Amino acid sequence: MNDDVKLNTWPEGWNEVIKTLAFLPDDKSRNEFLAAMVVFLAQM
């Protein structure tokens, strides 16, 4: 249950990112998703 408390302390929107990472099937998918997030954040 402690994980839920920690997740709620993340900034708005990061909960969805964490959930998405948890459901990706393998490391390659996770790396591609994280790379896309970095590019997205860099453009903000």
Protein backbone atom coordinates (compact mmCIF):
# COMPACT_ATOMS: atom_id res chain seq x y z
CA MET A 1 0.00 0.00 0.00
CA ASN A 2 2.96 2.32 0.51
CA ASP A 3 3.50 2.44 -3.26
CA ASP A 4 0.12 4.15 -3.74
CA VAL A 5 1.08 6.87 -1.27
CA LYS A 6 4.39 7.46 -3.05
CA LEU A 7 2.74 7.65 -6.47
CA ASN A 8 0.34 10.31 -5.23
CA THR A 9 3.28 12.55 -4.35
CA TRP A 10 4.40 12.69 -7.99
CA PRO A 11 3.48 15.77 -10.02
CA GLU A 12 0.20 15.64 -11.91
CA GLY A 13 0.42 13.36 -14.94
CA TRP A 14 3.33 11.22 -13.79
CA ASN A 15 0.98 8.62 -12.30
CA GLU A 16 -0.16 7.80 -15.84
CA VAL A 17 3.44 7.55 -17.03
CA ILE A 18 4.26 5.11 -14.24
CA LYS A 19 1.15 3.02 -14.96
CA THR A 20 2.06 2.92 -18.66
CA LEU A 21 5.60 1.76 -17.89
CA ALA A 22 4.21 -1.00 -15.69
CA PHE A 23 2.12 -2.38 -18.57
CA LEU A 24 4.76 -2.27 -21.33
CA PRO A 25 5.81 -5.82 -22.24
CA ASP A 26 9.61 -5.53 -22.40
CA ASP A 27 12.65 -3.33 -21.87
CA LYS A 28 12.78 -2.23 -25.52
CA SER A 29 9.24 -0.85 -25.29
CA ARG A 30 10.03 0.89 -22.01
CA ASN A 31 13.18 2.47 -23.44
CA GLU A 32 11.29 3.74 -26.49
CA PHE A 33 8.54 5.15 -24.29
CA LEU A 34 11.03 6.88 -21.99
CA ALA A 35 12.92 8.30 -24.98
CA ALA A 36 9.66 9.71 -26.34
CA MET A 37 8.90 11.26 -22.94
CA VAL A 38 12.34 12.90 -22.80
CA VAL A 39 11.84 14.41 -26.27
CA PHE A 40 8.36 15.58 -25.29
CA LEU A 41 9.60 17.21 -22.09
CA ALA A 42 12.54 18.82 -23.90
CA GLN A 43 10.11 20.53 -26.27
CA MET A 44 8.03 22.03 -23.46
